[in-house]
Protein backbone atom coordinates (compact mmCIF):
# COMPACT_ATOMS: atom_id res chain seq x y z
CA MET A 1 115.17 101.29 96.41
CA ARG A 2 114.42 100.33 92.62
CA LYS A 3 118.02 100.48 91.68
CA VAL A 4 118.94 98.21 94.43
CA PHE A 5 116.46 95.93 93.59
CA SER A 6 117.64 95.58 90.17
CA VAL A 7 120.64 94.79 91.34
CA PHE A 8 119.72 92.62 93.82
CA MET A 9 117.16 90.64 91.08
CA CYS A 10 120.68 90.06 89.11
CA ALA A 11 122.67 88.60 91.47
CA VAL A 12 119.74 86.45 92.22
CA LEU A 13 119.85 85.49 88.40
CA ALA A 14 123.18 84.74 88.35
CA VAL A 15 123.42 82.80 91.39
CA VAL A 16 120.19 80.62 89.91
CA CYS A 17 121.18 80.46 86.31
CA SER A 18 124.85 79.06 87.30
CA PHE A 19 123.63 76.45 88.88
CA ALA A 20 121.32 75.42 85.94
CA PHE A 21 123.74 76.09 83.19
CA ALA A 22 126.43 74.16 84.85
CA GLY A 23 127.81 71.17 82.11
CA CYS A 24 125.38 72.53 79.66
CA SER A 25 128.08 74.45 77.66
CA ASN A 26 128.93 71.15 75.22
CA ALA A 27 125.09 71.01 74.20
CA GLU A 28 124.43 73.67 71.34
CA ASN A 29 120.85 72.54 71.00
CA LEU A 30 120.21 74.05 74.51
CA THR A 31 118.93 77.26 74.89
CA TYR A 32 118.72 79.70 78.28
CA ASP A 33 115.82 81.58 77.56
CA ILE A 34 114.53 83.82 80.44
CA VAL A 35 111.27 85.38 80.31
CA MET A 36 109.18 87.48 82.71
CA ILE A 37 105.61 88.13 82.80
CA THR A 38 104.38 91.47 84.44
CA ASP A 39 101.37 91.71 86.89
CA GLY A 40 99.63 93.52 83.47
CA GLY A 41 102.10 96.73 84.17
CA THR A 42 104.65 98.35 82.01
CA VAL A 43 108.32 97.54 82.41
CA ALA A 44 108.48 100.94 82.85
CA ASP A 45 106.52 101.37 85.58
CA GLY A 46 108.47 102.35 88.19
CA ALA A 47 107.70 99.35 90.37
CA TYR A 48 108.23 95.74 90.59
CA ASN A 49 107.93 95.12 87.17
CA GLU A 50 110.62 97.79 85.90
CA SER A 51 112.75 96.79 88.71
CA ALA A 52 112.63 93.28 88.10
CA TRP A 53 113.09 93.51 84.31
CA SER A 54 116.13 96.07 84.73
CA GLY A 55 118.13 92.92 86.66
CA ILE A 56 117.02 90.55 83.85
CA VAL A 57 118.81 92.88 80.94
CA ASP A 58 121.94 93.56 83.75
CA TYR A 59 121.99 90.19 84.06
CA VAL A 60 121.92 89.00 80.55
CA ASP A 61 124.10 91.95 79.14
CA ASN A 62 126.90 90.37 81.76
CA ALA A 63 126.27 86.92 80.89
CA ASN A 64 126.34 87.41 77.55
CA THR A 65 129.76 89.51 77.78
CA VAL A 66 131.63 86.12 78.63
CA VAL A 67 129.82 84.08 75.78
CA SER A 68 132.36 83.01 72.98
CA GLU A 69 130.92 83.58 69.28
CA GLU A 70 130.23 79.76 69.08
CA SER A 71 128.05 79.37 72.09
CA LYS A 72 124.31 80.45 71.96
CA LYS A 73 123.86 84.07 73.63
CA VAL A 74 121.27 84.10 76.78
CA THR A 75 118.12 85.07 75.08
CA TYR A 76 115.45 86.81 77.09
CA ARG A 77 111.56 88.95 76.67
CA TYR A 78 108.75 89.42 78.88
CA TYR A 79 105.01 89.35 78.39
CA GLN A 80 102.56 92.14 79.62
CA PRO A 81 99.13 90.35 79.63
CA HIS A 82 96.12 91.69 79.66
CA VAL A 83 93.81 92.13 82.86
CA ASP A 84 90.51 92.29 84.06
CA GLU A 85 88.51 95.43 84.01
CA ASP A 86 89.66 96.17 87.83
CA GLU A 87 93.38 95.80 86.46
CA THR A 88 94.08 92.12 88.42
CA LEU A 89 95.61 89.90 86.82
CA SER A 90 93.44 86.56 86.88
CA THR A 91 95.40 82.89 87.63
CA GLU A 92 93.75 81.53 84.10
CA ILE A 93 95.45 84.79 82.13
CA ALA A 94 98.62 83.94 84.22
CA LEU A 95 99.08 80.91 83.29
CA GLN A 96 98.03 80.95 79.35
CA TYR A 97 101.29 83.25 79.47
CA ILE A 98 103.41 80.98 81.64
CA ASP A 99 102.57 78.32 78.78
CA LEU A 100 103.38 80.66 76.31
CA ALA A 101 106.47 81.04 77.82
CA VAL A 102 107.27 77.40 78.10
CA GLU A 103 106.28 76.98 74.53
CA LYS A 104 108.94 79.29 73.20
CA GLY A 105 111.31 77.22 75.73
CA ALA A 106 111.89 79.62 78.44
CA LYS A 107 114.12 77.83 80.99
CA PHE A 108 113.70 80.69 84.02
CA ILE A 109 110.25 82.58 84.47
CA ILE A 110 110.05 85.54 86.54
CA LEU A 111 106.85 86.36 88.38
CA PRO A 112 106.81 89.57 89.94
CA GLY A 113 103.94 89.86 92.73
CA GLU A 114 101.94 88.14 94.87
CA VAL A 115 99.21 87.83 92.18
CA PHE A 116 101.15 85.15 90.62
CA GLU A 117 101.31 82.97 94.19
CA VAL A 118 98.21 80.40 92.77
CA ALA A 119 99.50 80.31 89.14
CA ALA A 120 103.07 79.72 90.38
CA TYR A 121 101.74 76.50 92.78
CA GLU A 122 100.13 75.02 89.62
CA ALA A 123 102.91 75.97 86.82
CA SER A 124 105.87 74.93 88.67
CA ARG A 125 104.02 71.36 89.54
CA GLN A 126 103.29 70.80 85.75
CA TYR A 127 106.23 72.08 84.72
CA SER A 128 109.25 70.49 87.00
CA ASP A 129 111.80 71.51 84.64
CA VAL A 130 111.21 75.10 84.38
CA ASN A 131 112.85 77.44 87.05
CA PHE A 132 110.52 79.70 88.72
CA ILE A 133 111.71 83.01 90.72
CA LEU A 134 108.23 84.70 92.37
CA ILE A 135 108.74 88.22 93.79
CA ASP A 136 107.05 88.87 97.10
CA GLY A 137 105.27 86.08 97.19
CA VAL A 138 105.21 82.28 98.21
CA PRO A 139 103.03 79.72 95.61
CA HIS A 140 99.91 78.43 97.90
CA PRO A 141 96.71 76.39 96.34
CA GLU A 142 93.97 78.16 95.25
CA ASP A 143 91.95 76.81 98.03
CA SER A 144 94.29 77.40 100.72
CA ASP A 145 96.44 79.94 101.86
CA ILE A 146 98.89 77.57 103.11
CA ASP A 147 102.17 77.97 101.59
CA ALA A 148 103.74 75.50 99.57
CA TYR A 149 107.68 74.96 99.19
CA ILE A 150 108.61 73.84 95.82
CA GLU A 151 111.79 72.85 94.40
CA ASN A 152 111.68 74.38 91.23
CA VAL A 153 110.43 77.50 92.73
CA MET A 154 112.33 80.43 94.30
CA CYS A 155 110.63 83.19 96.64
CA ILE A 156 112.30 86.71 96.93
CA SER A 157 110.59 88.43 99.85
CA PHE A 158 110.66 91.44 101.67
CA ASP A 159 110.44 92.75 105.52
CA ALA A 160 107.94 95.45 104.35
CA LEU A 161 107.87 96.77 108.02
CA GLN A 162 111.18 97.18 107.66
CA SER A 163 111.26 99.35 104.38
CA GLY A 164 108.15 101.07 105.70
CA PHE A 165 109.71 102.09 108.84
CA LEU A 166 113.30 103.52 106.91
CA SER A 167 110.93 105.01 104.37
CA GLY A 168 108.78 106.81 107.10
CA TYR A 169 112.17 108.00 108.92
CA TYR A 170 114.10 109.33 105.73
CA ALA A 171 111.27 111.29 104.89
CA VAL A 172 111.20 113.12 108.09
CA ILE A 173 114.76 113.92 108.26
CA SER A 174 114.89 114.78 104.90
CA GLY A 175 112.70 117.61 106.01
CA HIS A 176 109.16 116.83 105.27
CA THR A 177 106.84 117.12 108.31
CA LYS A 178 103.06 116.75 106.85
CA LEU A 179 103.10 112.97 105.54
CA GLY A 180 100.63 110.72 103.46
CA TYR A 181 99.86 107.20 103.13
CA PHE A 182 98.30 105.44 100.69
CA GLY A 183 97.69 101.55 100.90
CA SER A 184 95.15 98.97 101.39
CA VAL A 185 94.04 97.74 104.57
CA ASN A 186 93.25 94.47 102.69
CA SER A 187 96.79 93.58 101.75
CA ASP A 188 99.22 92.24 104.99
CA THR A 189 102.10 93.57 102.77
CA SER A 190 100.94 97.42 102.31
CA SER A 191 99.56 97.19 105.89
CA SER A 192 102.89 96.28 107.09
CA TYR A 193 104.49 99.18 105.12
CA GLY A 194 101.85 101.26 106.25
CA ALA A 195 102.68 100.63 109.79
CA GLY A 196 106.42 100.83 109.59
CA TYR A 197 106.38 104.24 107.42
CA VAL A 198 104.11 105.58 110.27
CA GLN A 199 106.34 104.38 113.35
CA GLY A 200 109.70 105.32 111.30
CA ALA A 201 108.45 108.78 110.82
CA GLN A 202 107.13 109.03 114.68
CA TYR A 203 110.78 107.67 115.81
CA ALA A 204 112.28 110.31 113.23
CA ALA A 205 110.17 113.10 114.74
CA GLU A 206 110.95 112.31 118.53
CA GLN A 207 114.64 112.39 117.63
CA LEU A 208 114.59 115.77 115.95
CA GLY A 209 111.69 117.23 118.63
CA ILE A 210 109.59 118.40 115.93
CA PRO A 211 105.85 117.81 115.22
CA VAL A 212 104.68 115.58 112.29
CA THR A 213 101.23 115.32 110.68
CA MET A 214 100.50 111.93 108.82
CA ASP A 215 97.06 111.00 106.86
CA TYR A 216 95.87 107.70 105.54
CA ALA A 217 93.75 106.89 102.64
CA ASP A 218 92.69 103.45 101.90
CA TYR A 219 92.63 102.57 97.70
CA ASP A 220 89.93 99.32 98.35
CA SER A 221 87.85 102.00 100.02
CA SER A 222 84.38 102.05 98.52
CA LEU A 223 84.42 106.54 98.81
CA LEU A 224 87.39 106.28 96.26
CA ASP A 225 85.73 106.61 91.90
CA TYR A 226 88.82 105.63 90.08
CA ASN A 227 87.24 106.73 87.18
C-alpha cells in the first residue's frame, strides 16, 4: 500500500508541476523547489510521511533526468517540525514551517495529513502563488468544519472504508483468524477504516466458512498509558 501511494504521489506531482512549469523553461532565474513538511514524524515512519517523501524523490529523480545541463534542476527538501508534548503538530507551528518554506523559494508545498487542514486554509490564502498538496484532508477555517475548496490547493483523499475492507478481507484469506484493530472513535477516518476492516474480515470468513475473532482498542482511551 505504501508503494502504491508513493507512485500515486509521484504521478500527482508530475501532473501539477507540468501545468506550473509550462512556459517557464526560458526563465533562468526561476527555481522549482518542492518542500514537504511532515506532521512531526520522520520520513521513515512507514506511513504517510514516508510514502509522500518517496513519491517526491521519485518525481524529482525522473524530472531531473530530462533537464539539460543549462537548465536549473528541480530542488527539494523536507522539514520535520517540533511537536507538542501530546505529539500533535499545532497549526501555529505548521504555519511557521510553511512560512520558512516560502522564504526558501518553495513553489510546491506538500502537507501530509488532516493535521494541516487549518494551516493549509490560512497559508494558501496568504500565498496565492504557491501550490499546496494536502493529503487526506480538506482545508477549512479554524472555527469551522465547513470545507473550503481553494484554487491553489490540491486535496488527495482516500476512501478509508474501502481500504479497511480490503485489509480485513486480505488478512483472513491469508490465514489469520485472530484479528485486532487499534484506532480512534474520535476520528472519522479511523472509524471508517475500522468499520471496513471488520466488514472485510467478516465477508472473507463467510466465504471460507471459518470462525474469526476480532478485538478492538481505542487509542484515545483514558485507560491507556503511553508512558
